[in-house]
Amino acid sequence: MDSRSTEIEKGERTAFDFTKLSARERYKLMIGTIIPRPIALVTTVDENGRYNAAPFSFFNCLSADPPILAIGVENNPDMSFKDTGHNIRVTEVFTVNIVSRAIAEAMHVCGAKYPRGIDELKEAGLTAMPGERIAAPWIKEAPAAFECRRHVTLELGKSRQIIMGEILFAHYQAGAVDSAMHVDPNVIDAIARLGGDTCSTIRDRFEMLTPKLG
């Protein structure tokens, strides 16, 4: 056990002082512990009309009124913007496509470090569909997709941005939503990110009702 960890009184546990860890060490602990994390396959368009797609597992919904979701976008090592960050800054719009097990491998292809201007959707064999409300495309093969307008961007130092988007329009596969607006998780069949290269499905589920007092 090194100087960054300690033992607490009730049983042996390992503890870390995050103020003394490197960014990489903090990253490894966080992504291995805060699990499972949903995966957003984000599609954008640049100022020249070229499409881009990239996966993000620093992603979740934050509010329903207004309908806000957020993605964490890392910059390049030289602190320049990657394609997603650049495109959202230029166009103010992006689409979050939910990743199902059926398109998991294609999502992984989109995560490769292609040169700027390469259409990752074509490389992955995915179909770009024109947005209904925004310029960014949505993915036909995705079980659900949210067209978003940038709401606010938080600059977290030089290395990362938190981009919040207001959902303007949603696309779902047939049969995913019933008349009561309940979404069928079997149709969505989403995957999630764990630590490292490990992913998981949401196929193992259980019900847990909210307790009622009195």
Protein backbone atom coordinates (compact mmCIF):
# COMPACT_ATOMS: atom_id res chain seq x y z
CA MET A 1 0.00 0.00 0.00
CA ASP A 2 1.53 3.34 -1.02
CA SER A 3 1.35 6.79 0.55
CA ARG A 4 -1.82 7.67 -1.35
CA SER A 5 -3.92 4.95 0.31
CA THR A 6 -4.95 4.31 3.90
CA GLU A 7 -6.82 1.77 5.99
CA ILE A 8 -9.99 2.71 7.84
CA GLU A 9 -10.88 1.31 11.23
CA LYS A 10 -13.83 -0.93 10.34
CA GLY A 11 -12.31 -3.56 8.09
CA GLU A 12 -9.55 -3.09 5.56
CA ARG A 13 -10.31 -0.81 2.66
CA THR A 14 -8.15 1.09 0.20
CA ALA A 15 -8.61 4.86 0.08
CA PHE A 16 -7.18 7.49 -2.26
CA ASP A 17 -6.59 11.19 -1.86
CA PHE A 18 -7.71 12.50 -5.28
CA THR A 19 -5.77 15.72 -4.76
CA LYS A 20 -2.55 13.67 -4.87
CA LEU A 21 -3.36 11.51 -7.90
CA SER A 22 -2.45 12.17 -11.52
CA ALA A 23 -5.22 12.84 -14.04
CA ARG A 24 -4.69 9.36 -15.51
CA GLU A 25 -4.96 7.71 -12.10
CA ARG A 26 -8.16 9.60 -11.30
CA TYR A 27 -9.56 8.63 -14.70
CA LYS A 28 -8.87 4.92 -14.15
CA LEU A 29 -10.53 4.91 -10.75
CA MET A 30 -13.57 6.85 -11.94
CA ILE A 31 -14.32 4.84 -15.10
CA GLY A 32 -13.85 1.58 -13.24
CA THR A 33 -16.19 2.59 -10.44
CA ILE A 34 -18.91 4.80 -11.91
CA ILE A 35 -20.54 2.02 -13.89
CA PRO A 36 -22.35 1.26 -16.07
CA ARG A 37 -22.18 4.42 -18.17
CA PRO A 38 -24.44 4.85 -21.22
CA ILE A 39 -22.75 5.41 -24.56
CA ALA A 40 -23.66 8.31 -26.82
CA LEU A 41 -22.67 7.96 -30.47
CA VAL A 42 -22.64 11.66 -31.32
CA THR A 43 -23.12 12.79 -34.91
CA THR A 44 -22.21 16.30 -36.01
CA VAL A 45 -21.58 18.25 -39.19
CA ASP A 46 -18.79 20.74 -39.86
CA GLU A 47 -18.89 24.11 -41.62
CA ASN A 48 -18.28 22.36 -44.95
CA GLY A 49 -21.15 19.93 -44.56
CA ARG A 50 -18.98 16.91 -43.69
CA TYR A 51 -20.37 14.40 -41.20
CA ASN A 52 -18.57 13.15 -38.11
CA ALA A 53 -19.44 10.45 -35.58
CA ALA A 54 -17.73 9.68 -32.27
CA PRO A 55 -18.69 7.69 -29.15
CA PHE A 56 -18.75 9.20 -25.65
CA SER A 57 -19.30 7.34 -22.39
CA PHE A 58 -19.16 10.51 -20.29
CA PHE A 59 -22.83 11.05 -21.07
CA ASN A 60 -26.23 11.22 -19.38
CA CYS A 61 -29.55 13.06 -19.12
CA LEU A 62 -29.78 15.94 -16.65
CA SER A 63 -33.26 17.44 -16.94
CA ALA A 64 -36.67 16.83 -18.52
CA ASP A 65 -37.97 20.40 -18.24
CA PRO A 66 -36.16 21.70 -20.19
CA PRO A 67 -35.03 18.41 -21.81
CA ILE A 68 -31.27 18.54 -21.31
CA LEU A 69 -28.57 15.93 -21.81
CA ALA A 70 -24.82 16.33 -21.47
CA ILE A 71 -21.65 14.87 -22.94
CA GLY A 72 -18.08 15.21 -21.75
CA VAL A 73 -15.79 16.06 -24.68
CA GLU A 74 -12.03 15.82 -24.29
CA ASN A 75 -9.68 18.03 -26.28
CA ASN A 76 -6.61 16.86 -28.22
CA PRO A 77 -3.31 16.60 -26.30
CA ASP A 78 -2.30 20.02 -27.67
CA MET A 79 -5.62 21.38 -26.31
CA SER A 80 -7.09 21.94 -29.77
CA PHE A 81 -10.69 20.85 -30.30
CA LYS A 82 -11.45 17.39 -31.58
CA ASP A 83 -13.99 17.13 -34.41
CA THR A 84 -17.06 16.85 -32.18
CA GLY A 85 -16.13 19.84 -30.04
CA HIS A 86 -15.18 21.90 -33.09
CA ASN A 87 -18.34 21.05 -35.00
CA ILE A 88 -20.66 21.82 -32.10
CA ARG A 89 -18.87 25.13 -31.53
CA VAL A 90 -19.35 26.05 -35.21
CA THR A 91 -22.89 24.76 -35.81
CA GLU A 92 -24.40 24.79 -32.30
CA VAL A 93 -26.10 21.42 -32.91
CA PHE A 94 -25.46 17.69 -32.46
CA THR A 95 -27.34 14.40 -32.35
CA VAL A 96 -26.99 11.75 -29.65
CA ASN A 97 -27.60 8.25 -31.00
CA ILE A 98 -28.14 5.48 -28.44
CA VAL A 99 -25.90 2.46 -29.02
CA SER A 100 -27.62 -0.94 -29.10
CA ARG A 101 -25.86 -4.30 -29.03
CA ALA A 102 -26.59 -4.61 -32.76
CA ILE A 103 -24.47 -1.55 -33.64
CA ALA A 104 -21.84 -1.93 -30.90
CA GLU A 105 -19.07 -2.96 -33.29
CA ALA A 106 -19.93 -0.14 -35.69
CA MET A 107 -19.77 2.32 -32.78
CA HIS A 108 -16.32 0.97 -31.97
CA VAL A 109 -15.20 1.65 -35.55
CA CYS A 110 -16.36 5.26 -35.18
CA GLY A 111 -14.07 5.60 -32.16
CA ALA A 112 -10.90 5.15 -34.22
CA LYS A 113 -8.70 8.24 -34.68
CA TYR A 114 -9.41 9.12 -38.30
CA PRO A 115 -8.03 12.27 -39.93
CA ARG A 116 -10.36 15.27 -39.91
CA GLY A 117 -12.90 15.14 -42.72
CA ILE A 118 -13.26 11.35 -42.82
CA ASP A 119 -16.90 10.21 -42.55
CA GLU A 120 -16.87 7.67 -39.71
CA LEU A 121 -20.43 6.60 -40.52
CA LYS A 122 -19.37 5.37 -43.94
CA GLU A 123 -16.34 3.63 -42.46
CA ALA A 124 -18.62 1.84 -39.97
CA GLY A 125 -21.33 0.95 -42.48
CA LEU A 126 -23.95 3.09 -40.75
CA THR A 127 -26.61 5.14 -42.51
CA ALA A 128 -26.77 8.92 -42.03
CA MET A 129 -30.29 10.33 -42.10
CA PRO A 130 -31.02 14.06 -42.47
CA GLY A 131 -32.06 15.77 -39.26
CA GLU A 132 -35.63 16.96 -38.89
CA ARG A 133 -34.80 20.10 -36.92
CA ILE A 134 -31.03 20.46 -37.17
CA ALA A 135 -28.21 20.06 -39.69
CA ALA A 136 -26.53 17.15 -37.86
CA PRO A 137 -27.65 13.70 -39.10
CA TRP A 138 -29.09 10.87 -37.06
CA ILE A 139 -28.23 7.18 -37.52
CA LYS A 140 -30.87 4.97 -39.10
CA GLU A 141 -29.62 1.82 -37.35
CA ALA A 142 -29.68 3.37 -33.86
CA PRO A 143 -32.63 2.36 -31.65
CA ALA A 144 -33.12 6.00 -30.61
CA ALA A 145 -31.62 9.36 -31.45
CA PHE A 146 -31.99 12.84 -29.97
CA GLU A 147 -31.48 15.94 -32.11
CA CYS A 148 -30.01 18.63 -29.85
CA ARG A 149 -29.24 22.33 -29.88
CA ARG A 150 -26.30 23.39 -27.72
CA HIS A 151 -27.66 24.84 -24.49
CA VAL A 152 -24.46 25.73 -22.62
CA THR A 153 -20.82 24.66 -22.60
CA LEU A 154 -18.78 24.37 -19.42
CA GLU A 155 -15.04 24.71 -19.90
CA LEU A 156 -13.31 22.43 -17.36
CA GLY A 157 -9.79 23.76 -17.58
CA LYS A 158 -7.98 23.29 -20.88
CA SER A 159 -8.60 19.60 -21.38
CA ARG A 160 -12.33 19.01 -21.32
CA GLN A 161 -15.72 20.53 -22.04
CA ILE A 162 -19.12 19.55 -20.71
CA ILE A 163 -21.57 20.28 -23.51
CA MET A 164 -25.24 20.41 -22.58
CA GLY A 165 -27.80 20.06 -25.33
CA GLU A 166 -31.53 20.76 -25.41
CA ILE A 167 -33.42 17.94 -27.13
CA LEU A 168 -35.52 19.27 -30.00
CA PHE A 169 -36.58 16.07 -31.74
CA ALA A 170 -36.39 12.32 -31.07
CA HIS A 171 -36.32 9.30 -33.39
CA TYR A 172 -37.20 5.76 -32.23
CA GLN A 173 -37.26 2.38 -33.88
CA ALA A 174 -40.74 1.02 -34.52
CA GLY A 175 -42.22 -0.60 -31.43
CA ALA A 176 -39.86 1.09 -28.98
CA VAL A 177 -42.49 3.41 -27.46
CA ASP A 178 -46.07 2.46 -26.54
CA SER A 179 -49.18 4.64 -26.31
CA ALA A 180 -48.39 5.49 -22.67
CA MET A 181 -44.93 6.81 -23.67
CA HIS A 182 -43.19 3.85 -22.02
CA VAL A 183 -39.95 2.88 -23.75
CA ASP A 184 -39.32 -0.85 -24.17
CA PRO A 185 -35.76 -1.61 -22.99
CA ASN A 186 -35.78 -4.80 -25.05
CA VAL A 187 -36.14 -2.78 -28.24
CA ILE A 188 -33.52 -0.24 -27.21
CA ASP A 189 -31.15 -3.06 -26.10
CA ALA A 190 -28.56 -0.47 -25.09
CA ILE A 191 -25.00 -1.26 -24.11
CA ALA A 192 -22.95 0.51 -21.47
CA ARG A 193 -19.30 1.15 -20.81
CA LEU A 194 -17.41 -0.28 -17.86
CA GLY A 195 -13.70 0.17 -17.17
CA GLY A 196 -11.08 -0.18 -19.90
CA ASP A 197 -12.37 -1.91 -23.03
CA THR A 198 -15.18 -3.75 -21.22
CA CYS A 199 -18.83 -3.12 -22.07
CA SER A 200 -22.08 -4.58 -20.79
CA THR A 201 -25.68 -5.03 -21.88
CA ILE A 202 -28.86 -4.13 -19.95
CA ARG A 203 -30.46 -7.54 -20.48
CA ASP A 204 -30.23 -8.63 -16.82
CA ARG A 205 -32.85 -6.54 -15.00
CA PHE A 206 -34.97 -6.58 -11.85
CA GLU A 207 -37.84 -4.47 -10.49
CA MET A 208 -37.52 -2.44 -7.28
CA LEU A 209 -40.58 -0.40 -6.37
CA THR A 210 -40.31 2.93 -4.54
CA PRO A 211 -41.24 2.49 -0.85
CA LYS A 212 -44.53 4.04 0.29
CA LEU A 213 -44.65 5.52 3.79
CA GLY A 214 -47.69 5.31 6.04
